N, C-alpha and C. Protein backbone atom coordinates (compact mmCIF):
# COMPACT_ATOMS: atom_id res chain seq x y z
N MET A 1 -18.89 -81.55 26.29
CA MET A 1 -17.90 -82.15 27.17
C MET A 1 -17.19 -81.08 27.97
N LEU A 2 -16.53 -81.54 28.98
CA LEU A 2 -15.80 -80.59 29.83
C LEU A 2 -14.50 -80.17 29.18
N ALA A 3 -14.31 -78.90 29.14
CA ALA A 3 -13.05 -78.36 28.64
C ALA A 3 -12.13 -78.02 29.80
N ILE A 4 -12.56 -78.36 31.00
CA ILE A 4 -11.79 -78.05 32.19
C ILE A 4 -10.72 -79.12 32.37
N LYS A 5 -9.49 -78.70 32.55
CA LYS A 5 -8.40 -79.66 32.74
C LYS A 5 -7.75 -79.41 34.08
N GLY A 6 -7.40 -80.46 34.77
CA GLY A 6 -6.65 -80.34 36.00
C GLY A 6 -7.47 -79.98 37.22
N LEU A 7 -8.78 -79.90 37.10
CA LEU A 7 -9.59 -79.59 38.26
C LEU A 7 -10.01 -80.87 38.95
N SER A 8 -10.32 -80.76 40.22
CA SER A 8 -10.64 -81.95 41.01
C SER A 8 -11.96 -81.77 41.72
N LEU A 9 -12.57 -82.88 42.03
CA LEU A 9 -13.80 -82.92 42.79
C LEU A 9 -13.48 -83.62 44.10
N PHE A 10 -13.58 -82.90 45.22
CA PHE A 10 -13.27 -83.48 46.51
C PHE A 10 -14.52 -84.14 47.07
N LEU A 11 -14.45 -85.44 47.32
CA LEU A 11 -15.59 -86.19 47.80
C LEU A 11 -15.39 -86.70 49.22
N VAL A 12 -14.19 -87.06 49.55
CA VAL A 12 -13.86 -87.58 50.87
C VAL A 12 -12.71 -86.75 51.39
N LYS A 13 -12.75 -86.43 52.67
CA LYS A 13 -11.67 -85.60 53.24
C LYS A 13 -10.32 -86.25 52.98
N GLY A 14 -9.43 -85.50 52.38
CA GLY A 14 -8.09 -86.01 52.08
C GLY A 14 -8.00 -86.77 50.77
N SER A 15 -9.13 -86.93 50.06
CA SER A 15 -9.13 -87.65 48.79
C SER A 15 -9.90 -86.83 47.76
N TYR A 16 -9.59 -87.08 46.52
CA TYR A 16 -10.29 -86.38 45.45
C TYR A 16 -10.36 -87.27 44.22
N ILE A 17 -11.17 -86.86 43.27
CA ILE A 17 -11.23 -87.52 41.98
C ILE A 17 -11.18 -86.41 40.94
N SER A 18 -10.38 -86.59 39.92
CA SER A 18 -10.27 -85.56 38.90
C SER A 18 -11.51 -85.58 38.01
N TYR A 19 -11.83 -84.45 37.42
CA TYR A 19 -12.97 -84.39 36.50
C TYR A 19 -12.77 -85.34 35.33
N HIS A 20 -11.54 -85.49 34.90
CA HIS A 20 -11.23 -86.41 33.80
C HIS A 20 -11.60 -87.84 34.19
N SER A 21 -11.27 -88.25 35.41
CA SER A 21 -11.58 -89.60 35.87
C SER A 21 -13.07 -89.81 36.05
N LEU A 22 -13.79 -88.73 36.34
CA LEU A 22 -15.23 -88.84 36.54
C LEU A 22 -15.92 -89.38 35.28
N ASN A 23 -15.43 -89.00 34.13
CA ASN A 23 -16.00 -89.52 32.88
C ASN A 23 -15.83 -91.04 32.79
N TYR A 24 -14.69 -91.55 33.24
CA TYR A 24 -14.48 -93.00 33.26
C TYR A 24 -15.42 -93.68 34.25
N VAL A 25 -15.61 -93.04 35.39
CA VAL A 25 -16.51 -93.59 36.40
C VAL A 25 -17.93 -93.70 35.85
N LEU A 26 -18.39 -92.65 35.22
CA LEU A 26 -19.75 -92.66 34.67
C LEU A 26 -19.88 -93.67 33.54
N ALA A 27 -18.84 -93.82 32.73
CA ALA A 27 -18.86 -94.83 31.67
C ALA A 27 -18.92 -96.24 32.26
N ASP A 28 -18.16 -96.49 33.33
CA ASP A 28 -18.19 -97.79 34.00
C ASP A 28 -19.58 -98.06 34.57
N TYR A 29 -20.16 -97.05 35.18
CA TYR A 29 -21.50 -97.19 35.76
C TYR A 29 -22.52 -97.52 34.66
N LEU A 30 -22.47 -96.79 33.56
CA LEU A 30 -23.41 -97.04 32.47
C LEU A 30 -23.22 -98.43 31.87
N GLU A 31 -22.00 -98.87 31.76
CA GLU A 31 -21.73 -100.21 31.21
C GLU A 31 -22.28 -101.30 32.13
N GLU A 32 -22.11 -101.13 33.41
CA GLU A 32 -22.57 -102.14 34.38
C GLU A 32 -24.10 -102.22 34.45
N TYR A 33 -24.76 -101.09 34.40
CA TYR A 33 -26.21 -101.05 34.59
C TYR A 33 -26.98 -100.68 33.32
N LYS A 34 -26.41 -100.94 32.17
CA LYS A 34 -27.02 -100.49 30.91
C LYS A 34 -28.44 -101.01 30.69
N TYR A 35 -28.79 -102.15 31.26
CA TYR A 35 -30.13 -102.69 31.07
C TYR A 35 -31.09 -102.27 32.19
N LEU A 36 -30.59 -101.61 33.19
CA LEU A 36 -31.42 -101.22 34.33
C LEU A 36 -31.58 -99.71 34.48
N ILE A 37 -31.07 -98.95 33.52
CA ILE A 37 -31.10 -97.49 33.62
C ILE A 37 -32.29 -96.94 32.85
N PHE A 38 -33.00 -96.01 33.49
CA PHE A 38 -34.15 -95.36 32.87
C PHE A 38 -33.72 -94.05 32.22
N LEU A 39 -34.61 -93.49 31.42
CA LEU A 39 -34.33 -92.24 30.73
C LEU A 39 -33.96 -91.13 31.71
N ARG A 40 -34.66 -91.05 32.84
CA ARG A 40 -34.35 -89.99 33.81
C ARG A 40 -32.94 -90.16 34.38
N ASP A 41 -32.44 -91.41 34.44
CA ASP A 41 -31.08 -91.65 34.90
C ASP A 41 -30.06 -91.13 33.88
N PHE A 42 -30.35 -91.32 32.60
CA PHE A 42 -29.46 -90.78 31.56
C PHE A 42 -29.43 -89.26 31.61
N ILE A 43 -30.58 -88.66 31.86
CA ILE A 43 -30.65 -87.21 31.99
C ILE A 43 -29.84 -86.75 33.19
N GLU A 44 -29.96 -87.48 34.31
CA GLU A 44 -29.20 -87.14 35.52
C GLU A 44 -27.69 -87.27 35.28
N ILE A 45 -27.28 -88.28 34.54
CA ILE A 45 -25.85 -88.47 34.23
C ILE A 45 -25.35 -87.34 33.34
N ASP A 46 -26.18 -86.89 32.40
CA ASP A 46 -25.79 -85.74 31.57
C ASP A 46 -25.63 -84.48 32.43
N ILE A 47 -26.49 -84.32 33.42
CA ILE A 47 -26.37 -83.17 34.33
C ILE A 47 -25.06 -83.26 35.11
N ILE A 48 -24.71 -84.45 35.56
CA ILE A 48 -23.45 -84.64 36.30
C ILE A 48 -22.26 -84.36 35.39
N LYS A 49 -22.32 -84.79 34.14
CA LYS A 49 -21.22 -84.52 33.22
C LYS A 49 -21.06 -83.03 32.96
N THR A 50 -22.18 -82.33 32.90
CA THR A 50 -22.15 -80.89 32.68
C THR A 50 -21.68 -80.14 33.91
N ASN A 51 -22.13 -80.59 35.07
CA ASN A 51 -21.78 -79.95 36.34
C ASN A 51 -21.36 -81.03 37.34
N PRO A 52 -20.09 -81.43 37.36
CA PRO A 52 -19.64 -82.51 38.22
C PRO A 52 -19.89 -82.29 39.72
N ARG A 53 -20.03 -81.05 40.13
CA ARG A 53 -20.31 -80.79 41.55
C ARG A 53 -21.70 -81.29 41.96
N HIS A 54 -22.53 -81.57 40.99
CA HIS A 54 -23.88 -82.10 41.25
C HIS A 54 -23.84 -83.57 41.67
N LEU A 55 -22.74 -84.23 41.47
CA LEU A 55 -22.64 -85.66 41.75
C LEU A 55 -23.07 -86.01 43.16
N THR A 56 -22.56 -85.30 44.15
CA THR A 56 -22.88 -85.65 45.54
C THR A 56 -24.32 -85.31 45.91
N LYS A 57 -24.98 -84.46 45.12
CA LYS A 57 -26.38 -84.11 45.38
C LYS A 57 -27.34 -85.01 44.61
N SER A 58 -26.82 -85.78 43.70
CA SER A 58 -27.63 -86.62 42.83
C SER A 58 -28.22 -87.81 43.56
N TYR A 59 -29.42 -88.20 43.17
CA TYR A 59 -30.04 -89.41 43.73
C TYR A 59 -29.29 -90.67 43.27
N LEU A 60 -28.45 -90.56 42.25
CA LEU A 60 -27.66 -91.69 41.76
C LEU A 60 -26.34 -91.87 42.52
N PHE A 61 -25.98 -90.92 43.36
CA PHE A 61 -24.69 -90.99 44.05
C PHE A 61 -24.47 -92.30 44.80
N PRO A 62 -25.45 -92.82 45.56
CA PRO A 62 -25.20 -94.10 46.24
C PRO A 62 -24.88 -95.25 45.28
N GLU A 63 -25.44 -95.21 44.08
CA GLU A 63 -25.17 -96.25 43.10
C GLU A 63 -23.83 -96.04 42.38
N ILE A 64 -23.44 -94.79 42.18
CA ILE A 64 -22.21 -94.46 41.47
C ILE A 64 -20.99 -94.54 42.39
N GLU A 65 -21.18 -94.31 43.67
CA GLU A 65 -20.06 -94.23 44.61
C GLU A 65 -19.13 -95.44 44.58
N PRO A 66 -19.62 -96.68 44.51
CA PRO A 66 -18.67 -97.82 44.44
C PRO A 66 -17.75 -97.77 43.22
N PHE A 67 -18.19 -97.15 42.16
CA PHE A 67 -17.36 -97.03 40.95
C PHE A 67 -16.29 -95.95 41.12
N LEU A 68 -16.44 -95.07 42.10
CA LEU A 68 -15.47 -94.01 42.36
C LEU A 68 -14.22 -94.53 43.06
N LEU A 69 -14.36 -95.55 43.86
CA LEU A 69 -13.27 -96.01 44.72
C LEU A 69 -11.94 -96.24 44.01
N PRO A 70 -11.91 -96.91 42.85
CA PRO A 70 -10.61 -97.12 42.20
C PRO A 70 -9.96 -95.82 41.68
N TYR A 71 -10.75 -94.76 41.57
CA TYR A 71 -10.24 -93.52 40.99
C TYR A 71 -9.86 -92.47 42.04
N TYR A 72 -10.10 -92.76 43.31
CA TYR A 72 -9.73 -91.80 44.35
C TYR A 72 -8.22 -91.62 44.38
N GLU A 73 -7.79 -90.41 44.60
CA GLU A 73 -6.37 -90.10 44.75
C GLU A 73 -6.21 -89.34 46.05
N LYS A 74 -5.13 -89.59 46.73
CA LYS A 74 -4.85 -88.90 47.99
C LYS A 74 -4.20 -87.56 47.73
N THR A 75 -4.58 -86.59 48.54
CA THR A 75 -3.92 -85.29 48.44
C THR A 75 -2.56 -85.39 49.10
N LYS A 76 -1.62 -84.68 48.56
CA LYS A 76 -0.26 -84.68 49.12
C LYS A 76 -0.20 -83.71 50.28
N GLN A 77 0.48 -84.11 51.32
CA GLN A 77 0.65 -83.25 52.47
C GLN A 77 1.60 -82.12 52.10
N LEU A 78 1.14 -80.90 52.24
CA LEU A 78 1.98 -79.74 51.93
C LEU A 78 2.98 -79.48 53.06
N ASN A 79 2.58 -79.77 54.26
CA ASN A 79 3.45 -79.52 55.40
C ASN A 79 3.99 -80.86 55.91
N SER A 80 5.12 -81.26 55.41
CA SER A 80 5.71 -82.50 55.89
C SER A 80 6.62 -82.20 57.07
N THR A 81 6.65 -83.11 57.99
CA THR A 81 7.52 -82.92 59.16
C THR A 81 8.91 -83.38 58.84
N SER A 82 9.86 -82.64 59.27
CA SER A 82 11.27 -83.02 59.04
C SER A 82 11.90 -83.38 60.36
N LEU A 83 12.82 -84.30 60.31
CA LEU A 83 13.49 -84.76 61.53
C LEU A 83 14.67 -83.88 61.86
């Protein structure tokens, strides 16, 4: 498992998903498609869990992406305009 805490995976400009949330996303994906997943898909998911940066390069990304949407978080603007 990942021992990395507080790191993020940026997938969409201005949005990110934490590595911690990625585990929930993958669990949701596995639960939804548990009867349609092949052994190579389980191996690919293990690769993603080991190296989360592989997610966007994975052939499973189009299938996993809808499960990411509820977990996206917006980055905070560091430079706010003051009146």
